[in-house]
Amino acid sequence: YFQEHVLEGQAYGSHAISMPTTAAIVAEIEKNPRALGYGGIAYGQHLVHCKINGISPTTEAVRKDIYPIARYLYFYTIKKPEGLTKQFIDWVLSRNGQRLVKEAGYMPLFEVP
């Protein structure tokens, strides 16, 4: 995603390090003040999140689709969800589910208290 949307298909630099998880990226950034990383917004809450073209990665900017490197997370199922699967997806999309999304540090689909 980063290479496609930020680097516009160009190769990573020769000093780039691929990390297995966002948590590993955050740990590396914490050790190296000149490091730059890309990962989920819920990680590294205490780190500086970069503006792109002067736009900060705020919930409003993401919802309005103006922050250029935000993306949604999706559920994929083999067939139309039913039973417990549908109940789970419905719950995630509910006010209570979105509240938990927000508490986990991610951006909810709609405003929740």
Protein backbone atom coordinates (compact mmCIF):
# COMPACT_ATOMS: atom_id res chain seq x y z
CA TYR A 1 0.00 0.00 0.00
CA PHE A 2 2.73 2.47 0.96
CA GLN A 3 4.81 1.74 -2.12
CA GLU A 4 1.80 2.10 -4.41
CA HIS A 5 0.21 5.20 -2.85
CA VAL A 6 3.17 7.15 -1.44
CA LEU A 7 6.11 6.06 -3.55
CA GLU A 8 3.87 5.86 -6.64
CA GLY A 9 5.30 2.48 -7.61
CA GLN A 10 8.96 3.39 -7.12
CA ALA A 11 11.26 0.99 -5.31
CA TYR A 12 12.11 1.43 -1.65
CA GLY A 13 15.50 3.01 -0.94
CA SER A 14 18.51 0.77 -0.48
CA HIS A 15 18.54 1.44 3.29
CA ALA A 16 14.87 0.55 3.80
CA ILE A 17 14.18 -2.19 6.32
CA SER A 18 11.13 -4.42 6.04
CA MET A 19 9.62 -5.21 9.43
CA PRO A 20 7.25 -8.12 10.19
CA THR A 21 4.68 -6.13 12.19
CA THR A 22 3.58 -2.59 12.92
CA ALA A 23 4.68 -3.11 16.54
CA ALA A 24 8.20 -3.87 15.25
CA ILE A 25 8.12 -0.70 13.13
CA VAL A 26 7.14 1.37 16.17
CA ALA A 27 9.92 -0.22 18.25
CA GLU A 28 12.47 0.64 15.54
CA ILE A 29 11.23 4.23 15.27
CA GLU A 30 11.50 4.62 19.04
CA LYS A 31 15.19 3.62 18.85
CA ASN A 32 16.08 5.80 15.87
CA PRO A 33 14.93 9.44 15.88
CA ARG A 34 15.60 9.70 12.12
CA ALA A 35 13.46 6.68 11.27
CA LEU A 36 10.29 6.86 9.21
CA GLY A 37 7.71 4.10 9.23
CA TYR A 38 4.26 3.25 7.97
CA GLY A 39 1.67 1.25 9.87
CA GLY A 40 -1.74 1.28 11.47
CA ILE A 41 -2.79 4.47 13.24
CA ALA A 42 -3.60 2.55 16.43
CA TYR A 43 0.09 1.80 16.97
CA GLY A 44 2.55 4.36 18.21
CA GLN A 45 -0.01 6.81 19.57
CA HIS A 46 2.87 8.77 21.10
CA LEU A 47 4.71 9.10 17.77
CA VAL A 48 4.35 11.99 15.33
CA HIS A 49 1.92 11.06 12.56
CA CYS A 50 2.96 12.75 9.33
CA LYS A 51 1.00 15.31 7.42
CA ILE A 52 0.74 14.60 3.71
CA ASN A 53 0.40 17.70 1.53
CA GLY A 54 -0.36 19.65 4.70
CA ILE A 55 -3.19 17.31 5.75
CA SER A 56 -3.01 15.63 9.17
CA PRO A 57 -4.35 12.08 9.60
CA THR A 58 -7.37 13.14 11.65
CA THR A 59 -10.57 11.14 11.86
CA GLU A 60 -12.37 13.87 9.91
CA ALA A 61 -9.74 13.89 7.13
CA VAL A 62 -9.92 10.11 6.84
CA ARG A 63 -13.74 10.03 6.80
CA LYS A 64 -13.83 12.74 4.11
CA ASP A 65 -11.23 10.77 2.13
CA ILE A 66 -8.81 13.71 1.99
CA TYR A 67 -5.87 12.16 3.87
CA PRO A 68 -4.14 10.41 0.96
CA ILE A 69 -2.77 7.27 2.63
CA ALA A 70 -5.70 6.09 4.73
CA ARG A 71 -7.52 2.89 3.93
CA TYR A 72 -10.47 0.97 5.24
CA LEU A 73 -10.27 -2.52 6.70
CA TYR A 74 -12.71 -5.06 5.28
CA PHE A 75 -14.29 -8.36 6.24
CA TYR A 76 -14.34 -10.94 3.44
CA THR A 77 -16.55 -14.00 3.58
CA ILE A 78 -16.95 -16.88 1.15
CA LYS A 79 -20.72 -16.45 1.02
CA LYS A 80 -23.28 -13.96 2.26
CA PRO A 81 -22.75 -13.71 6.03
CA GLU A 82 -25.29 -15.48 8.21
CA GLY A 83 -25.60 -16.72 11.76
CA LEU A 84 -22.73 -15.87 14.11
CA THR A 85 -20.68 -14.36 11.29
CA LYS A 86 -23.45 -11.89 10.42
CA GLN A 87 -24.04 -11.13 14.10
CA PHE A 88 -20.34 -10.36 14.55
CA ILE A 89 -20.18 -8.07 11.51
CA ASP A 90 -23.40 -6.33 12.56
CA TRP A 91 -21.95 -5.80 16.04
CA VAL A 92 -18.67 -4.37 14.68
CA LEU A 93 -20.71 -1.92 12.59
CA SER A 94 -22.93 -1.00 15.55
CA ARG A 95 -22.42 1.95 17.88
CA ASN A 96 -20.93 -0.36 20.56
CA GLY A 97 -18.61 -2.01 18.04
CA GLN A 98 -17.44 1.33 16.67
CA ARG A 99 -16.88 2.58 20.21
CA LEU A 100 -14.49 -0.35 20.75
CA VAL A 101 -12.78 0.44 17.43
CA LYS A 102 -12.19 3.98 18.73
CA GLU A 103 -10.97 2.74 22.14
CA ALA A 104 -8.47 0.47 20.35
CA GLY A 105 -6.98 3.55 18.69
CA TYR A 106 -8.49 3.14 15.25
CA MET A 107 -10.88 5.53 13.53
CA PRO A 108 -14.55 4.60 13.77
CA LEU A 109 -16.75 4.78 10.68
CA PHE A 110 -18.98 7.33 12.41
CA GLU A 111 -18.75 9.54 15.49
CA VAL A 112 -19.20 7.71 18.78
CA PRO A 113 -18.97 9.10 22.32
